[in-house]
Amino acid sequence: MTFRQLVLAALLAVFAFGAPSVHAVQPDEVLDDPALEARARGLSAGLRCLVCQNQSIDDSDAPLARDLRVLVRERLKAGDSDDDIITFVVSRYGEFVLLKPRFTPHTWLLWLATPLLFLLALGGILYAYRRRSASSAAPQALTESEQAHLTRLLDEETPKGGDKL
């Protein structure tokens, strides 16, 4: 096997099996209790990095993300529940810090806009389809003036020799 084939096989393996997820959690942040660390990782995965904005604080290397990870772990060590920690972080940084916002009255538009737009588009397509099929279902007969005009046009296009095209 040549070097080129080996590199190609390695790349295919990475794409086929996926690269392992990389976490930005530093060794000095990891809690000694595996159960608390698992809870911390779960909470961190649901909190948005306010610097990166499309990464969780668990995946971000930003200093603010590190501060939030440390804050979550401190609150866990203090005995707070997961809901208490989320409420504390949201009260401090706002609803935007949640990667999956809560379903509350001020986020209804966020949650319902896409399904509503989809239903409106589907309704519009169905309306247009029915309207189109209803108007093209039965062809209407020509009026007398239209028939006379068509006959004149056809007579004009007939060659003088009597042969029709």
N, C-alpha and C. Protein backbone atom coordinates (compact mmCIF):
# COMPACT_ATOMS: atom_id res chain seq x y z
N MET A 1 0.85 -1.18 0.00
CA MET A 1 0.00 0.00 0.00
C MET A 1 0.89 1.23 0.00
N THR A 2 0.66 2.14 -0.93
CA THR A 2 1.47 3.34 -1.03
C THR A 2 1.03 4.37 0.01
N PHE A 3 1.87 5.39 0.18
CA PHE A 3 1.56 6.44 1.14
C PHE A 3 0.28 7.16 0.77
N ARG A 4 0.10 7.40 -0.51
CA ARG A 4 -1.10 8.10 -0.99
C ARG A 4 -2.36 7.29 -0.67
N GLN A 5 -2.31 5.99 -0.88
CA GLN A 5 -3.45 5.12 -0.59
C GLN A 5 -3.73 5.08 0.92
N LEU A 6 -2.66 5.09 1.71
CA LEU A 6 -2.81 5.08 3.15
C LEU A 6 -3.50 6.35 3.66
N VAL A 7 -3.08 7.50 3.12
CA VAL A 7 -3.70 8.78 3.50
C VAL A 7 -5.16 8.80 3.08
N LEU A 8 -5.44 8.33 1.87
CA LEU A 8 -6.81 8.29 1.38
C LEU A 8 -7.68 7.38 2.26
N ALA A 9 -7.13 6.23 2.65
CA ALA A 9 -7.88 5.31 3.52
C ALA A 9 -8.15 5.95 4.88
N ALA A 10 -7.17 6.68 5.41
CA ALA A 10 -7.36 7.36 6.70
C ALA A 10 -8.44 8.43 6.60
N LEU A 11 -8.41 9.21 5.53
CA LEU A 11 -9.44 10.24 5.33
C LEU A 11 -10.82 9.62 5.19
N LEU A 12 -10.92 8.55 4.45
CA LEU A 12 -12.21 7.88 4.29
C LEU A 12 -12.72 7.34 5.63
N ALA A 13 -11.82 6.82 6.45
CA ALA A 13 -12.22 6.32 7.76
C ALA A 13 -12.74 7.44 8.64
N VAL A 14 -12.07 8.59 8.60
CA VAL A 14 -12.51 9.72 9.40
C VAL A 14 -13.89 10.18 8.95
N PHE A 15 -14.10 10.29 7.62
CA PHE A 15 -15.40 10.73 7.13
C PHE A 15 -16.48 9.68 7.36
N ALA A 16 -16.13 8.41 7.26
CA ALA A 16 -17.12 7.35 7.42
C ALA A 16 -17.55 7.20 8.88
N PHE A 17 -16.61 7.27 9.79
CA PHE A 17 -16.92 7.03 11.19
C PHE A 17 -17.03 8.31 11.99
N GLY A 18 -16.74 9.44 11.38
CA GLY A 18 -16.85 10.72 12.05
C GLY A 18 -15.68 10.98 12.97
N ALA A 19 -15.32 12.22 13.01
CA ALA A 19 -14.24 12.61 13.92
C ALA A 19 -14.80 12.69 15.33
N PRO A 20 -14.02 12.33 16.31
CA PRO A 20 -14.53 12.43 17.69
C PRO A 20 -14.80 13.88 18.04
N SER A 21 -15.83 14.10 18.85
CA SER A 21 -16.16 15.46 19.22
C SER A 21 -15.07 16.02 20.14
N VAL A 22 -14.75 17.25 19.93
CA VAL A 22 -13.69 17.90 20.70
C VAL A 22 -14.36 18.82 21.71
N HIS A 23 -13.96 18.68 22.97
CA HIS A 23 -14.48 19.54 24.02
C HIS A 23 -13.38 20.47 24.47
N ALA A 24 -13.76 21.66 24.82
CA ALA A 24 -12.79 22.66 25.24
C ALA A 24 -12.56 22.63 26.75
N VAL A 25 -13.18 21.71 27.43
CA VAL A 25 -13.04 21.64 28.88
C VAL A 25 -11.59 21.31 29.22
N GLN A 26 -11.01 22.14 30.05
CA GLN A 26 -9.62 21.98 30.46
C GLN A 26 -9.55 20.98 31.63
N PRO A 27 -8.42 20.29 31.77
CA PRO A 27 -8.30 19.31 32.86
C PRO A 27 -8.51 19.91 34.25
N ASP A 28 -8.14 21.16 34.43
CA ASP A 28 -8.32 21.76 35.77
C ASP A 28 -9.78 22.10 36.06
N GLU A 29 -10.65 22.04 35.05
CA GLU A 29 -12.07 22.32 35.25
C GLU A 29 -12.85 21.06 35.63
N VAL A 30 -12.34 19.90 35.29
CA VAL A 30 -13.06 18.65 35.47
C VAL A 30 -13.26 18.37 36.96
N LEU A 31 -14.50 18.01 37.30
CA LEU A 31 -14.84 17.69 38.69
C LEU A 31 -14.40 16.27 39.04
N ASP A 32 -14.09 16.05 40.30
CA ASP A 32 -13.65 14.73 40.75
C ASP A 32 -14.80 13.71 40.73
N ASP A 33 -16.01 14.17 41.05
CA ASP A 33 -17.18 13.29 41.07
C ASP A 33 -17.69 13.09 39.64
N PRO A 34 -17.66 11.85 39.13
CA PRO A 34 -18.09 11.59 37.74
C PRO A 34 -19.56 11.95 37.49
N ALA A 35 -20.42 11.77 38.50
CA ALA A 35 -21.84 12.11 38.33
C ALA A 35 -22.01 13.61 38.17
N LEU A 36 -21.32 14.40 39.00
CA LEU A 36 -21.40 15.86 38.87
C LEU A 36 -20.79 16.33 37.55
N GLU A 37 -19.70 15.69 37.13
CA GLU A 37 -19.06 16.07 35.86
C GLU A 37 -20.00 15.78 34.69
N ALA A 38 -20.70 14.65 34.75
CA ALA A 38 -21.67 14.32 33.70
C ALA A 38 -22.79 15.35 33.67
N ARG A 39 -23.28 15.77 34.83
CA ARG A 39 -24.31 16.82 34.87
C ARG A 39 -23.76 18.13 34.32
N ALA A 40 -22.52 18.45 34.66
CA ALA A 40 -21.90 19.69 34.17
C ALA A 40 -21.78 19.66 32.65
N ARG A 41 -21.37 18.52 32.11
CA ARG A 41 -21.26 18.40 30.66
C ARG A 41 -22.63 18.53 29.99
N GLY A 42 -23.64 17.93 30.60
CA GLY A 42 -24.99 18.05 30.06
C GLY A 42 -25.49 19.48 30.06
N LEU A 43 -25.26 20.18 31.16
CA LEU A 43 -25.67 21.59 31.24
C LEU A 43 -24.86 22.45 30.27
N SER A 44 -23.56 22.20 30.19
CA SER A 44 -22.70 22.99 29.31
C SER A 44 -23.06 22.80 27.84
N ALA A 45 -23.52 21.62 27.50
CA ALA A 45 -23.90 21.35 26.11
C ALA A 45 -25.13 22.15 25.70
N GLY A 46 -25.95 22.57 26.65
CA GLY A 46 -27.16 23.33 26.34
C GLY A 46 -27.02 24.83 26.47
N LEU A 47 -25.83 25.29 26.87
CA LEU A 47 -25.61 26.73 27.04
C LEU A 47 -24.76 27.26 25.90
N ARG A 48 -25.18 28.38 25.34
CA ARG A 48 -24.51 29.00 24.19
C ARG A 48 -23.33 29.83 24.64
N CYS A 49 -22.25 29.72 23.89
CA CYS A 49 -21.11 30.62 24.11
C CYS A 49 -21.51 31.99 23.57
N LEU A 50 -21.45 32.99 24.39
CA LEU A 50 -21.89 34.33 23.99
C LEU A 50 -20.89 35.00 23.06
N VAL A 51 -19.69 34.46 22.94
CA VAL A 51 -18.69 34.99 22.02
C VAL A 51 -18.84 34.30 20.66
N CYS A 52 -18.87 32.98 20.69
CA CYS A 52 -18.94 32.20 19.44
C CYS A 52 -20.36 32.17 18.88
N GLN A 53 -21.34 32.12 19.71
CA GLN A 53 -22.77 32.18 19.45
C GLN A 53 -23.37 30.93 18.81
N ASN A 54 -22.62 30.13 18.09
CA ASN A 54 -23.20 28.91 17.56
C ASN A 54 -22.51 27.68 18.11
N GLN A 55 -21.83 27.84 19.22
CA GLN A 55 -21.19 26.72 19.90
C GLN A 55 -21.68 26.70 21.34
N SER A 56 -21.67 25.51 21.88
CA SER A 56 -21.98 25.42 23.30
C SER A 56 -20.73 25.83 24.08
N ILE A 57 -20.92 26.14 25.35
CA ILE A 57 -19.76 26.51 26.16
C ILE A 57 -18.85 25.30 26.37
N ASP A 58 -19.39 24.11 26.18
CA ASP A 58 -18.60 22.89 26.30
C ASP A 58 -17.60 22.76 25.14
N ASP A 59 -17.94 23.33 23.99
CA ASP A 59 -17.11 23.21 22.79
C ASP A 59 -16.25 24.44 22.53
N SER A 60 -16.47 25.52 23.23
CA SER A 60 -15.80 26.80 22.93
C SER A 60 -14.54 27.00 23.77
N ASP A 61 -13.54 27.60 23.13
CA ASP A 61 -12.29 27.94 23.82
C ASP A 61 -12.28 29.38 24.32
N ALA A 62 -13.37 30.12 24.11
CA ALA A 62 -13.41 31.52 24.51
C ALA A 62 -13.31 31.66 26.03
N PRO A 63 -12.67 32.70 26.51
CA PRO A 63 -12.54 32.90 27.97
C PRO A 63 -13.90 33.00 28.67
N LEU A 64 -14.89 33.63 28.04
CA LEU A 64 -16.21 33.72 28.66
C LEU A 64 -16.84 32.34 28.79
N ALA A 65 -16.64 31.48 27.80
CA ALA A 65 -17.17 30.12 27.88
C ALA A 65 -16.51 29.37 29.03
N ARG A 66 -15.21 29.56 29.21
CA ARG A 66 -14.51 28.94 30.34
C ARG A 66 -15.10 29.43 31.66
N ASP A 67 -15.36 30.74 31.75
CA ASP A 67 -15.95 31.29 32.98
C ASP A 67 -17.32 30.68 33.25
N LEU A 68 -18.11 30.50 32.21
CA LEU A 68 -19.43 29.90 32.39
C LEU A 68 -19.32 28.43 32.79
N ARG A 69 -18.37 27.71 32.20
CA ARG A 69 -18.18 26.31 32.61
C ARG A 69 -17.79 26.22 34.08
N VAL A 70 -16.89 27.10 34.51
CA VAL A 70 -16.47 27.12 35.92
C VAL A 70 -17.66 27.48 36.81
N LEU A 71 -18.46 28.46 36.38
CA LEU A 71 -19.63 28.87 37.15
C LEU A 71 -20.60 27.70 37.32
N VAL A 72 -20.86 26.97 36.24
CA VAL A 72 -21.76 25.82 36.30
C VAL A 72 -21.24 24.79 37.29
N ARG A 73 -19.95 24.51 37.23
CA ARG A 73 -19.36 23.52 38.13
C ARG A 73 -19.39 24.00 39.60
N GLU A 74 -19.17 25.28 39.82
CA GLU A 74 -19.25 25.81 41.18
C GLU A 74 -20.66 25.67 41.74
N ARG A 75 -21.64 25.98 40.89
CA ARG A 75 -23.04 25.88 41.35
C ARG A 75 -23.42 24.41 41.62
N LEU A 76 -22.87 23.49 40.81
CA LEU A 76 -23.13 22.07 41.06
C LEU A 76 -22.52 21.63 42.39
N LYS A 77 -21.30 22.06 42.64
CA LYS A 77 -20.64 21.70 43.91
C LYS A 77 -21.39 22.30 45.10
N ALA A 78 -22.05 23.46 44.89
CA ALA A 78 -22.82 24.09 45.97
C ALA A 78 -24.14 23.38 46.22
N GLY A 79 -24.51 22.43 45.34
CA GLY A 79 -25.72 21.66 45.56
C GLY A 79 -26.93 22.14 44.78
N ASP A 80 -26.77 23.07 43.85
CA ASP A 80 -27.90 23.56 43.06
C ASP A 80 -28.40 22.47 42.10
N SER A 81 -29.69 22.51 41.83
CA SER A 81 -30.26 21.59 40.85
C SER A 81 -29.96 22.12 39.44
N ASP A 82 -30.18 21.29 38.44
CA ASP A 82 -29.94 21.70 37.06
C ASP A 82 -30.82 22.90 36.70
N ASP A 83 -32.09 22.86 37.12
CA ASP A 83 -33.00 23.97 36.83
C ASP A 83 -32.56 25.26 37.51
N ASP A 84 -32.07 25.14 38.74
CA ASP A 84 -31.58 26.33 39.45
C ASP A 84 -30.40 26.96 38.71
N ILE A 85 -29.51 26.12 38.21
CA ILE A 85 -28.33 26.63 37.49
C ILE A 85 -28.75 27.30 36.20
N ILE A 86 -29.64 26.67 35.45
CA ILE A 86 -30.12 27.25 34.18
C ILE A 86 -30.82 28.57 34.46
N THR A 87 -31.68 28.61 35.48
CA THR A 87 -32.38 29.85 35.83
C THR A 87 -31.40 30.94 36.22
N PHE A 88 -30.37 30.59 36.97
CA PHE A 88 -29.36 31.56 37.37
C PHE A 88 -28.62 32.13 36.15
N VAL A 89 -28.20 31.26 35.26
CA VAL A 89 -27.45 31.70 34.08
C VAL A 89 -28.35 32.54 33.17
N VAL A 90 -29.61 32.15 33.00
CA VAL A 90 -30.54 32.91 32.15
C VAL A 90 -30.82 34.28 32.78
N SER A 91 -30.97 34.32 34.09
CA SER A 91 -31.23 35.61 34.75
C SER A 91 -30.04 36.55 34.61
N ARG A 92 -28.85 35.99 34.51
CA ARG A 92 -27.65 36.80 34.39
C ARG A 92 -27.35 37.21 32.95
N TYR A 93 -27.57 36.30 31.98
CA TYR A 93 -27.17 36.54 30.60
C TYR A 93 -28.34 36.63 29.61
N GLY A 94 -29.54 36.33 30.04
CA GLY A 94 -30.69 36.41 29.16
C GLY A 94 -31.00 35.07 28.50
N GLU A 95 -32.17 35.02 27.88
CA GLU A 95 -32.66 33.79 27.23
C GLU A 95 -31.76 33.35 26.08
N PHE A 96 -31.02 34.28 25.51
CA PHE A 96 -30.15 33.97 24.37
C PHE A 96 -29.06 32.97 24.72
N VAL A 97 -28.73 32.84 25.99
CA VAL A 97 -27.66 31.93 26.40
C VAL A 97 -28.06 30.46 26.22
N LEU A 98 -29.35 30.20 26.08
CA LEU A 98 -29.82 28.82 25.88
C LEU A 98 -29.74 28.45 24.41
N LEU A 99 -29.10 27.34 24.09
CA LEU A 99 -29.07 26.88 22.71
C LEU A 99 -30.46 26.45 22.25
N LYS A 100 -31.27 25.94 23.15
CA LYS A 100 -32.65 25.56 22.85
C LYS A 100 -33.55 26.38 23.77
N PRO A 101 -34.05 27.52 23.29
CA PRO A 101 -34.85 28.41 24.14
C PRO A 101 -36.11 27.71 24.68
N ARG A 102 -36.57 28.20 25.81
CA ARG A 102 -37.78 27.66 26.43
C ARG A 102 -39.00 28.08 25.61
N PHE A 103 -40.08 27.30 25.74
CA PHE A 103 -41.34 27.62 25.05
C PHE A 103 -42.17 28.48 25.99
N THR A 104 -41.95 29.79 25.91
CA THR A 104 -42.65 30.76 26.74
C THR A 104 -43.33 31.77 25.82
N PRO A 105 -44.25 32.58 26.35
CA PRO A 105 -44.95 33.53 25.47
C PRO A 105 -44.03 34.42 24.63
N HIS A 106 -42.90 34.85 25.18
CA HIS A 106 -42.05 35.73 24.37
C HIS A 106 -41.17 34.96 23.38
N THR A 107 -41.23 33.62 23.37
CA THR A 107 -40.51 32.85 22.34
C THR A 107 -41.46 32.07 21.44
N TRP A 108 -42.76 32.30 21.58
CA TRP A 108 -43.71 31.59 20.72
C TRP A 108 -43.44 31.84 19.25
N LEU A 109 -43.18 33.07 18.88
CA LEU A 109 -42.91 33.38 17.48
C LEU A 109 -41.69 32.61 16.98
N LEU A 110 -40.66 32.52 17.79
CA LEU A 110 -39.46 31.78 17.43
C LEU A 110 -39.78 30.31 17.16
N TRP A 111 -40.58 29.72 18.02
CA TRP A 111 -40.90 28.30 17.89
C TRP A 111 -41.94 28.02 16.81
N LEU A 112 -42.91 28.93 16.64
CA LEU A 112 -44.03 28.65 15.76
C LEU A 112 -43.92 29.25 14.37
N ALA A 113 -42.96 30.14 14.14
CA ALA A 113 -42.85 30.81 12.84
C ALA A 113 -42.62 29.82 11.70
N THR A 114 -41.71 28.90 11.88
CA THR A 114 -41.40 27.96 10.80
C THR A 114 -42.57 27.05 10.48
N PRO A 115 -43.21 26.40 11.47
CA PRO A 115 -44.37 25.57 11.11
C PRO A 115 -45.52 26.38 10.51
N LEU A 116 -45.74 27.61 11.02
CA LEU A 116 -46.81 28.43 10.46
C LEU A 116 -46.52 28.83 9.02
N LEU A 117 -45.29 29.23 8.74
CA LEU A 117 -44.92 29.57 7.36
C LEU A 117 -45.04 28.36 6.44
N PHE A 118 -44.67 27.20 6.94
CA PHE A 118 -44.81 25.98 6.14
C PHE A 118 -46.27 25.70 5.83
N LEU A 119 -47.14 25.82 6.83
CA LEU A 119 -48.57 25.57 6.61
C LEU A 119 -49.17 26.60 5.67
N LEU A 120 -48.77 27.87 5.81
CA LEU A 120 -49.26 28.90 4.89
C LEU A 120 -48.81 28.63 3.46
N ALA A 121 -47.57 28.24 3.28
CA ALA A 121 -47.07 27.92 1.94
C ALA A 121 -47.80 26.71 1.37
N LEU A 122 -48.02 25.69 2.18
CA LEU A 122 -48.74 24.51 1.73
C LEU A 122 -50.17 24.87 1.34
N GLY A 123 -50.83 25.70 2.16
CA GLY A 123 -52.18 26.15 1.83
C GLY A 123 -52.21 26.95 0.54
N GLY A 124 -51.23 27.82 0.33
CA GLY A 124 -51.15 28.59 -0.91
C GLY A 124 -50.95 27.71 -2.12
N ILE A 125 -50.12 26.70 -1.98
CA ILE A 125 -49.89 25.77 -3.10
C ILE A 125 -51.16 24.99 -3.40
N LEU A 126 -51.85 24.50 -2.37
CA LEU A 126 -53.10 23.77 -2.59
C LEU A 126 -54.17 24.66 -3.22
N TYR A 127 -54.26 25.91 -2.76
CA TYR A 127 -55.23 26.85 -3.33
C TYR A 127 -54.94 27.09 -4.81
N ALA A 128 -53.67 27.34 -5.13
CA ALA A 128 -53.30 27.59 -6.53
C ALA A 128 -53.54 26.35 -7.38
N TYR A 129 -53.24 25.17 -6.86
CA TYR A 129 -53.45 23.93 -7.61
C TYR A 129 -54.93 23.70 -7.89
N ARG A 130 -55.76 23.89 -6.87
CA ARG A 130 -57.21 23.69 -7.07
C ARG A 130 -57.80 24.73 -8.02
N ARG A 131 -57.32 25.96 -7.88
CA ARG A 131 -57.82 27.01 -8.77
C ARG A 131 -57.42 26.73 -10.21
N ARG A 132 -56.21 26.27 -10.39
CA ARG A 132 -55.71 25.98 -11.74
C ARG A 132 -56.45 24.79 -12.33
N SER A 133 -56.65 23.73 -11.54
CA SER A 133 -57.31 22.54 -12.06
C SER A 133 -58.80 22.81 -12.32
N ALA A 134 -59.42 23.69 -11.54
CA ALA A 134 -60.83 24.00 -11.76
C ALA A 134 -61.02 24.82 -13.03
N SER A 135 -60.07 25.73 -13.30
CA SER A 135 -60.22 26.57 -14.49
C SER A 135 -59.84 25.82 -15.76
N SER A 136 -59.02 24.80 -15.67
CA SER A 136 -58.61 24.08 -16.87
C SER A 136 -59.33 22.76 -17.03
N ALA A 137 -60.30 22.48 -16.18
CA ALA A 137 -60.97 21.19 -16.22
C ALA A 137 -61.83 21.03 -17.47
N ALA A 138 -62.64 22.01 -17.80
CA ALA A 138 -63.53 21.90 -18.95
C ALA A 138 -63.24 23.03 -19.93
N PRO A 139 -62.71 22.70 -21.11
CA PRO A 139 -62.46 23.76 -22.08
C PRO A 139 -63.79 24.32 -22.60
N GLN A 140 -63.85 25.61 -22.80
CA GLN A 140 -65.07 26.25 -23.26
C GLN A 140 -65.10 26.29 -24.79
N ALA A 141 -66.30 26.19 -25.32
CA ALA A 141 -66.47 26.24 -26.77
C ALA A 141 -66.25 27.67 -27.25
N LEU A 142 -65.84 27.79 -28.50
CA LEU A 142 -65.61 29.11 -29.08
C LEU A 142 -66.95 29.81 -29.33
N THR A 143 -66.94 31.11 -29.16
CA THR A 143 -68.13 31.88 -29.51
C THR A 143 -68.21 31.97 -31.02
N GLU A 144 -69.37 32.46 -31.54
CA GLU A 144 -69.55 32.55 -33.00
C GLU A 144 -68.53 33.49 -33.63
N SER A 145 -68.24 34.62 -32.96
CA SER A 145 -67.28 35.56 -33.53
C SER A 145 -65.87 34.98 -33.51
N GLU A 146 -65.52 34.24 -32.47
CA GLU A 146 -64.20 33.60 -32.42
C GLU A 146 -64.07 32.53 -33.49
N GLN A 147 -65.16 31.77 -33.71
CA GLN A 147 -65.15 30.72 -34.73
C GLN A 147 -65.01 31.34 -36.12
N ALA A 148 -65.69 32.45 -36.36
CA ALA A 148 -65.60 33.12 -37.66
C ALA A 148 -64.19 33.66 -37.87
N HIS A 149 -63.58 34.23 -36.84
CA HIS A 149 -62.23 34.76 -36.93
C HIS A 149 -61.23 33.64 -37.20
N LEU A 150 -61.41 32.51 -36.57
CA LEU A 150 -60.53 31.36 -36.77
C LEU A 150 -60.67 30.83 -38.19
N THR A 151 -61.88 30.77 -38.70
CA THR A 151 -62.11 30.30 -40.07
C THR A 151 -61.43 31.22 -41.07
N ARG A 152 -61.53 32.54 -40.86
CA ARG A 152 -60.87 33.51 -41.74
C ARG A 152 -59.36 33.31 -41.73
N LEU A 153 -58.79 33.12 -40.53
CA LEU A 153 -57.34 32.93 -40.42
C LEU A 153 -56.89 31.66 -41.14
N LEU A 154 -57.65 30.60 -40.99
CA LEU A 154 -57.30 29.34 -41.64
C LEU A 154 -57.43 29.45 -43.16
N ASP A 155 -58.44 30.18 -43.63
CA ASP A 155 -58.61 30.37 -45.07
C ASP A 155 -57.47 31.18 -45.66
N GLU A 156 -56.96 32.15 -44.90
CA GLU A 156 -55.85 32.97 -45.38
C GLU A 156 -54.56 32.17 -45.51
N GLU A 157 -54.40 31.17 -44.68
CA GLU A 157 -53.18 30.39 -44.70
C GLU A 157 -53.25 29.24 -45.70
N THR A 158 -54.41 28.96 -46.27
CA THR A 158 -54.52 27.91 -47.26
C THR A 158 -53.91 28.41 -48.56
N PRO A 159 -52.95 27.61 -49.15
CA PRO A 159 -52.31 28.04 -50.42
C PRO A 159 -53.32 28.11 -51.57
N LYS A 160 -53.03 28.96 -52.53
CA LYS A 160 -53.92 29.18 -53.67
C LYS A 160 -54.08 27.94 -54.52
N GLY A 161 -53.10 27.08 -54.51
CA GLY A 161 -53.15 25.87 -55.36
C GLY A 161 -54.13 24.86 -54.84
N GLY A 162 -54.74 25.06 -53.71
CA GLY A 162 -55.70 24.12 -53.19
C GLY A 162 -55.10 23.11 -52.23
N ASP A 163 -53.75 23.03 -52.16
CA ASP A 163 -53.11 22.09 -51.24
C ASP A 163 -53.09 22.72 -49.84
N LYS A 164 -53.44 21.93 -48.90
CA LYS A 164 -53.38 22.42 -47.52
C LYS A 164 -52.05 22.00 -46.91
N LEU A 165 -51.59 22.80 -46.02
CA LEU A 165 -50.33 22.50 -45.37
C LEU A 165 -50.43 21.38 -44.41
